[in-house]
PDB file of N, CA and C in Angstrom:
ATOM      1  N   MET A   1     -16.676   0.580  -0.474  1.00  0.00           N
ATOM      2  CA  MET A   1     -15.440  -0.188  -0.516  1.00  0.00           C
ATOM      3  C   MET A   1     -15.649  -1.471   0.264  1.00  0.00           C
ATOM      4  N   SER A   2     -15.173  -2.587  -0.254  1.00  0.00           N
ATOM      5  CA  SER A   2     -15.430  -3.867   0.365  1.00  0.00           C
ATOM      6  C   SER A   2     -14.382  -4.264   1.399  1.00  0.00           C
ATOM      7  N   ASP A   3     -13.348  -3.483   1.545  1.00  0.00           N
ATOM      8  CA  ASP A   3     -12.295  -3.815   2.515  1.00  0.00           C
ATOM      9  C   ASP A   3     -12.794  -3.562   3.929  1.00  0.00           C
ATOM     10  N   SER A   4     -12.433  -4.481   4.809  1.00  0.00           N
ATOM     11  CA  SER A   4     -12.788  -4.277   6.210  1.00  0.00           C
ATOM     12  C   SER A   4     -11.805  -3.285   6.828  1.00  0.00           C
ATOM     13  N   PRO A   5     -12.196  -2.662   7.945  1.00  0.00           N
ATOM     14  CA  PRO A   5     -11.275  -1.717   8.601  1.00  0.00           C
ATOM     15  C   PRO A   5      -9.943  -2.378   8.975  1.00  0.00           C
ATOM     16  N   LYS A   6      -9.996  -3.649   9.357  1.00  0.00           N
ATOM     17  CA  LYS A   6      -8.762  -4.349   9.727  1.00  0.00           C
ATOM     18  C   LYS A   6      -7.837  -4.486   8.516  1.00  0.00           C
ATOM     19  N   GLN A   7      -8.405  -4.819   7.340  1.00  0.00           N
ATOM     20  CA  GLN A   7      -7.595  -4.940   6.130  1.00  0.00           C
ATOM     21  C   GLN A   7      -6.969  -3.604   5.765  1.00  0.00           C
ATOM     22  N   LEU A   8      -7.747  -2.532   5.881  1.00  0.00           N
ATOM     23  CA  LEU A   8      -7.214  -1.205   5.564  1.00  0.00           C
ATOM     24  C   LEU A   8      -6.112  -0.826   6.532  1.00  0.00           C
ATOM     25  N   GLN A   9      -6.286  -1.170   7.806  1.00  0.00           N
ATOM     26  CA  GLN A   9      -5.280  -0.855   8.809  1.00  0.00           C
ATOM     27  C   GLN A   9      -3.975  -1.593   8.501  1.00  0.00           C
ATOM     28  N   ILE A  10      -4.077  -2.847   8.091  1.00  0.00           N
ATOM     29  CA  ILE A  10      -2.886  -3.617   7.738  1.00  0.00           C
ATOM     30  C   ILE A  10      -2.215  -3.000   6.521  1.00  0.00           C
ATOM     31  N   SER A  11      -3.007  -2.625   5.517  1.00  0.00           N
ATOM     32  CA  SER A  11      -2.449  -2.001   4.320  1.00  0.00           C
ATOM     33  C   SER A  11      -1.733  -0.707   4.655  1.00  0.00           C
ATOM     34  N   ASP A  12      -2.338   0.097   5.522  1.00  0.00           N
ATOM     35  CA  ASP A  12      -1.707   1.357   5.931  1.00  0.00           C
ATOM     36  C   ASP A  12      -0.375   1.098   6.620  1.00  0.00           C
ATOM     37  N   LYS A  13      -0.328   0.079   7.456  1.00  0.00           N
ATOM     38  CA  LYS A  13       0.917  -0.246   8.164  1.00  0.00           C
ATOM     39  C   LYS A  13       1.986  -0.702   7.184  1.00  0.00           C
ATOM     40  N   VAL A  14       1.605  -1.479   6.192  1.00  0.00           N
ATOM     41  CA  VAL A  14       2.570  -1.943   5.190  1.00  0.00           C
ATOM     42  C   VAL A  14       3.135  -0.756   4.421  1.00  0.00           C
ATOM     43  N   VAL A  15       2.254   0.137   3.995  1.00  0.00           N
ATOM     44  CA  VAL A  15       2.690   1.322   3.249  1.00  0.00           C
ATOM     45  C   VAL A  15       3.615   2.167   4.115  1.00  0.00           C
ATOM     46  N   GLU A  16       3.222   2.400   5.358  1.00  0.00           N
ATOM     47  CA  GLU A  16       4.038   3.214   6.253  1.00  0.00           C
ATOM     48  C   GLU A  16       5.427   2.602   6.453  1.00  0.00           C
ATOM     49  N   THR A  17       5.477   1.285   6.627  1.00  0.00           N
ATOM     50  CA  THR A  17       6.751   0.597   6.812  1.00  0.00           C
ATOM     51  C   THR A  17       7.627   0.723   5.572  1.00  0.00           C
ATOM     52  N   LEU A  18       7.037   0.543   4.407  1.00  0.00           N
ATOM     53  CA  LEU A  18       7.804   0.658   3.168  1.00  0.00           C
ATOM     54  C   LEU A  18       8.333   2.072   2.963  1.00  0.00           C
ATOM     55  N   VAL A  19       7.496   3.057   3.228  1.00  0.00           N
ATOM     56  CA  VAL A  19       7.922   4.455   3.056  1.00  0.00           C
ATOM     57  C   VAL A  19       9.056   4.783   4.024  1.00  0.00           C
ATOM     58  N   GLN A  20       8.910   4.372   5.277  1.00  0.00           N
ATOM     59  CA  GLN A  20       9.967   4.628   6.259  1.00  0.00           C
ATOM     60  C   GLN A  20      11.276   3.965   5.842  1.00  0.00           C
ATOM     61  N   SER A  21      11.183   2.754   5.316  1.00  0.00           N
ATOM     62  CA  SER A  21      12.373   2.045   4.868  1.00  0.00           C
ATOM     63  C   SER A  21      13.052   2.788   3.716  1.00  0.00           C
ATOM     64  N   ILE A  22      12.263   3.243   2.762  1.00  0.00           N
ATOM     65  CA  ILE A  22      12.811   3.982   1.619  1.00  0.00           C
ATOM     66  C   ILE A  22      13.450   5.287   2.080  1.00  0.00           C
ATOM     67  N   PHE A  23      12.765   6.005   2.982  1.00  0.00           N
ATOM     68  CA  PHE A  23      13.336   7.241   3.517  1.00  0.00           C
ATOM     69  C   PHE A  23      14.668   6.973   4.206  1.00  0.00           C
ATOM     70  N   ARG A  24      14.705   5.955   5.033  1.00  0.00           N
ATOM     71  CA  ARG A  24      15.916   5.628   5.789  1.00  0.00           C
ATOM     72  C   ARG A  24      17.063   5.282   4.840  1.00  0.00           C
ATOM     73  N   LYS A  25      16.782   4.470   3.817  1.00  0.00           N
ATOM     74  CA  LYS A  25      17.810   4.068   2.853  1.00  0.00           C
ATOM     75  C   LYS A  25      18.389   5.263   2.101  1.00  0.00           C
ATOM     76  N   ASN A  26      17.548   6.288   1.903  1.00  0.00           N
ATOM     77  CA  ASN A  26      17.976   7.444   1.124  1.00  0.00           C
ATOM     78  C   ASN A  26      18.321   8.657   1.977  1.00  0.00           C
ATOM     79  N   GLY A  27      18.355   8.471   3.285  1.00  0.00           N
ATOM     80  CA  GLY A  27      18.744   9.546   4.182  1.00  0.00           C
ATOM     81  C   GLY A  27      17.780  10.725   4.190  1.00  0.00           C
ATOM     82  N   VAL A  28      16.483  10.445   4.056  1.00  0.00           N
ATOM     83  CA  VAL A  28      15.478  11.500   4.015  1.00  0.00           C
ATOM     84  C   VAL A  28      14.853  11.672   5.397  1.00  0.00           C
ATOM     85  N   ASN A  29      14.791  12.907   5.851  1.00  0.00           N
ATOM     86  CA  ASN A  29      14.099  13.238   7.093  1.00  0.00           C
ATOM     87  C   ASN A  29      12.642  13.509   6.733  1.00  0.00           C
ATOM     88  N   PRO A  30      11.691  12.680   7.199  1.00  0.00           N
ATOM     89  CA  PRO A  30      10.286  12.844   6.811  1.00  0.00           C
ATOM     90  C   PRO A  30       9.711  14.227   7.130  1.00  0.00           C
ATOM     91  N   GLU A  31      10.060  14.787   8.259  1.00  0.00           N
ATOM     92  CA  GLU A  31       9.532  16.107   8.616  1.00  0.00           C
ATOM     93  C   GLU A  31      10.049  17.177   7.666  1.00  0.00           C
ATOM     94  N   GLU A  32      11.296  17.081   7.291  1.00  0.00           N
ATOM     95  CA  GLU A  32      11.862  18.049   6.348  1.00  0.00           C
ATOM     96  C   GLU A  32      11.225  17.882   4.966  1.00  0.00           C
ATOM     97  N   ALA A  33      11.006  16.647   4.573  1.00  0.00           N
ATOM     98  CA  ALA A  33      10.386  16.383   3.276  1.00  0.00           C
ATOM     99  C   ALA A  33       8.973  16.950   3.222  1.00  0.00           C
ATOM    100  N   LYS A  34       8.230  16.836   4.315  1.00  0.00           N
ATOM    101  CA  LYS A  34       6.864  17.372   4.357  1.00  0.00           C
ATOM    102  C   LYS A  34       6.854  18.877   4.147  1.00  0.00           C
ATOM    103  N   ARG A  35       7.846  19.555   4.705  1.00  0.00           N
ATOM    104  CA  ARG A  35       7.901  21.014   4.581  1.00  0.00           C
ATOM    105  C   ARG A  35       8.304  21.460   3.177  1.00  0.00           C
ATOM    106  N   ASN A  36       9.040  20.622   2.469  1.00  0.00           N
ATOM    107  CA  ASN A  36       9.601  21.029   1.180  1.00  0.00           C
ATOM    108  C   ASN A  36       8.817  20.544  -0.035  1.00  0.00           C
ATOM    109  N   ILE A  37       7.657  19.935   0.158  1.00  0.00           N
ATOM    110  CA  ILE A  37       6.897  19.422  -0.973  1.00  0.00           C
ATOM    111  C   ILE A  37       5.909  20.485  -1.460  1.00  0.00           C
ATOM    112  N   SER A  38       5.824  20.631  -2.768  1.00  0.00           N
ATOM    113  CA  SER A  38       4.937  21.650  -3.341  1.00  0.00           C
ATOM    114  C   SER A  38       3.493  21.139  -3.362  1.00  0.00           C
ATOM    115  N   ASP A  39       2.566  22.064  -3.531  1.00  0.00           N
ATOM    116  CA  ASP A  39       1.149  21.697  -3.631  1.00  0.00           C
ATOM    117  C   ASP A  39       0.912  20.789  -4.830  1.00  0.00           C
ATOM    118  N   GLU A  40       1.603  21.050  -5.924  1.00  0.00           N
ATOM    119  CA  GLU A  40       1.463  20.214  -7.123  1.00  0.00           C
ATOM    120  C   GLU A  40       1.950  18.787  -6.841  1.00  0.00           C
ATOM    121  N   GLN A  41       3.068  18.662  -6.150  1.00  0.00           N
ATOM    122  CA  GLN A  41       3.572  17.334  -5.804  1.00  0.00           C
ATOM    123  C   GLN A  41       2.600  16.608  -4.876  1.00  0.00           C
ATOM    124  N   LYS A  42       2.033  17.324  -3.920  1.00  0.00           N
ATOM    125  CA  LYS A  42       1.044  16.731  -3.025  1.00  0.00           C
ATOM    126  C   LYS A  42      -0.150  16.208  -3.813  1.00  0.00           C
ATOM    127  N   ARG A  43      -0.621  17.009  -4.752  1.00  0.00           N
ATOM    128  CA  ARG A  43      -1.764  16.610  -5.570  1.00  0.00           C
ATOM    129  C   ARG A  43      -1.438  15.358  -6.384  1.00  0.00           C
ATOM    130  N   MET A  44      -0.254  15.344  -6.970  1.00  0.00           N
ATOM    131  CA  MET A  44       0.156  14.199  -7.777  1.00  0.00           C
ATOM    132  C   MET A  44       0.277  12.940  -6.929  1.00  0.00           C
ATOM    133  N   ILE A  45       0.811  13.060  -5.746  1.00  0.00           N
ATOM    134  CA  ILE A  45       0.946  11.909  -4.850  1.00  0.00           C
ATOM    135  C   ILE A  45      -0.422  11.384  -4.443  1.00  0.00           C
ATOM    136  N   LYS A  46      -1.336  12.293  -4.120  1.00  0.00           N
ATOM    137  CA  LYS A  46      -2.692  11.873  -3.752  1.00  0.00           C
ATOM    138  C   LYS A  46      -3.361  11.132  -4.904  1.00  0.00           C
ATOM    139  N   GLU A  47      -3.207  11.634  -6.119  1.00  0.00           N
ATOM    140  CA  GLU A  47      -3.776  10.966  -7.290  1.00  0.00           C
ATOM    141  C   GLU A  47      -3.165   9.583  -7.482  1.00  0.00           C
ATOM    142  N   MET A  48      -1.856   9.488  -7.305  1.00  0.00           N
ATOM    143  CA  MET A  48      -1.178   8.212  -7.461  1.00  0.00           C
ATOM    144  C   MET A  48      -1.674   7.205  -6.425  1.00  0.00           C
ATOM    145  N   VAL A  49      -1.837   7.644  -5.196  1.00  0.00           N
ATOM    146  CA  VAL A  49      -2.319   6.762  -4.134  1.00  0.00           C
ATOM    147  C   VAL A  49      -3.734   6.289  -4.447  1.00  0.00           C
ATOM    148  N   GLU A  50      -4.578   7.191  -4.899  1.00  0.00           N
ATOM    149  CA  GLU A  50      -5.951   6.806  -5.246  1.00  0.00           C
ATOM    150  C   GLU A  50      -5.967   5.792  -6.391  1.00  0.00           C
ATOM    151  N   ASP A  51      -5.130   6.008  -7.399  1.00  0.00           N
ATOM    152  CA  ASP A  51      -5.032   5.061  -8.511  1.00  0.00           C
ATOM    153  C   ASP A  51      -4.558   3.693  -8.030  1.00  0.00           C
ATOM    154  N   LEU A  52      -3.566   3.689  -7.161  1.00  0.00           N
ATOM    155  CA  LEU A  52      -3.061   2.423  -6.630  1.00  0.00           C
ATOM    156  C   LEU A  52      -4.119   1.704  -5.795  1.00  0.00           C
ATOM    157  N   LYS A  53      -4.882   2.459  -5.010  1.00  0.00           N
ATOM    158  CA  LYS A  53      -5.964   1.860  -4.225  1.00  0.00           C
ATOM    159  C   LYS A  53      -6.977   1.186  -5.141  1.00  0.00           C
ATOM    160  N   LYS A  54      -7.337   1.854  -6.230  1.00  0.00           N
ATOM    161  CA  LYS A  54      -8.296   1.286  -7.179  1.00  0.00           C
ATOM    162  C   LYS A  54      -7.742   0.011  -7.809  1.00  0.00           C
ATOM    163  N   GLN A  55      -6.467   0.039  -8.163  1.00  0.00           N
ATOM    164  CA  GLN A  55      -5.848  -1.139  -8.770  1.00  0.00           C
ATOM    165  C   GLN A  55      -5.828  -2.310  -7.796  1.00  0.00           C
ATOM    166  N   VAL A  56      -5.518  -2.042  -6.549  1.00  0.00           N
ATOM    167  CA  VAL A  56      -5.486  -3.094  -5.532  1.00  0.00           C
ATOM    168  C   VAL A  56      -6.888  -3.655  -5.318  1.00  0.00           C
ATOM    169  N   GLU A  57      -7.878  -2.777  -5.253  1.00  0.00           N
ATOM    170  CA  GLU A  57      -9.251  -3.221  -5.063  1.00  0.00           C
ATOM    171  C   GLU A  57      -9.700  -4.101  -6.227  1.00  0.00           C
ATOM    172  N   GLU A  58      -9.388  -3.694  -7.452  1.00  0.00           N
ATOM    173  CA  GLU A  58      -9.735  -4.488  -8.627  1.00  0.00           C
ATOM    174  C   GLU A  58      -9.019  -5.838  -8.595  1.00  0.00           C
ATOM    175  N   PHE A  59      -7.770  -5.841  -8.217  1.00  0.00           N
ATOM    176  CA  PHE A  59      -7.002  -7.079  -8.122  1.00  0.00           C
ATOM    177  C   PHE A  59      -7.640  -8.012  -7.101  1.00  0.00           C
ATOM    178  N   ASN A  60      -7.983  -7.481  -5.937  1.00  0.00           N
ATOM    179  CA  ASN A  60      -8.606  -8.289  -4.891  1.00  0.00           C
ATOM    180  C   ASN A  60      -9.940  -8.854  -5.351  1.00  0.00           C
ATOM    181  N   GLN A  61     -10.728  -8.053  -6.046  1.00  0.00           N
ATOM    182  CA  GLN A  61     -12.013  -8.536  -6.556  1.00  0.00           C
ATOM    183  C   GLN A  61     -11.811  -9.648  -7.573  1.00  0.00           C
ATOM    184  N   ASN A  62     -10.824  -9.511  -8.444  1.00  0.00           N
ATOM    185  CA  ASN A  62     -10.527 -10.556  -9.423  1.00  0.00           C
ATOM    186  C   ASN A  62     -10.062 -11.833  -8.742  1.00  0.00           C
ATOM    187  N   GLN A  63      -9.282 -11.694  -7.683  1.00  0.00           N
ATOM    188  CA  GLN A  63      -8.818 -12.874  -6.952  1.00  0.00           C
ATOM    189  C   GLN A  63      -9.998 -13.604  -6.310  1.00  0.00           C
ATOM    190  N   LYS A  64     -10.951 -12.847  -5.762  1.00  0.00           N
ATOM    191  CA  LYS A  64     -12.141 -13.456  -5.154  1.00  0.00           C
ATOM    192  C   LYS A  64     -12.957 -14.182  -6.196  1.00  0.00           C
ATOM    193  N   LYS A  65     -13.104 -13.584  -7.390  1.00  0.00           N
ATOM    194  CA  LYS A  65     -13.865 -14.206  -8.481  1.00  0.00           C
ATOM    195  C   LYS A  65     -13.198 -15.506  -8.924  1.00  0.00           C
ATOM    196  N   GLU A  66     -11.877 -15.499  -9.026  1.00  0.00           N
ATOM    197  CA  GLU A  66     -11.148 -16.694  -9.452  1.00  0.00           C
ATOM    198  C   GLU A  66     -11.286 -17.811  -8.429  1.00  0.00           C
ATOM    199  N   LYS A  67     -11.315 -17.471  -7.153  1.00  0.00           N
ATOM    200  CA  LYS A  67     -11.467 -18.489  -6.110  1.00  0.00           C
ATOM    201  C   LYS A  67     -12.860 -19.101  -6.147  1.00  0.00           C
ATOM    202  N   LYS A  68     -13.872 -18.262  -6.442  1.00  0.00           N
ATOM    203  CA  LYS A  68     -15.251 -18.753  -6.509  1.00  0.00           C
ATOM    204  C   LYS A  68     -15.489 -19.586  -7.758  1.00  0.00           C
ATOM    205  N   GLY A  69     -14.875 -19.193  -8.849  1.00  0.00           N
ATOM    206  CA  GLY A  69     -15.147 -19.834 -10.145  1.00  0.00           C
ATOM    207  C   GLY A  69     -14.210 -20.911 -10.427  1.00  0.00           C
TER     208      GLY A  69
END
């Protein structure tokens, strides 16, 4: 992966902030939600996150190519 640890740390913070905001807006207690999620839902979320990471990486690579070219 070409992302530096600092870039990944920033991305993680952005995701965490967005998730917390969504939970707060919808009155969701994160600890309660963790206890009530099924294994299938966990698997689906992990797959979705991996897909999004790949899309972001591809987007970033395309942006770098456009800047060079």
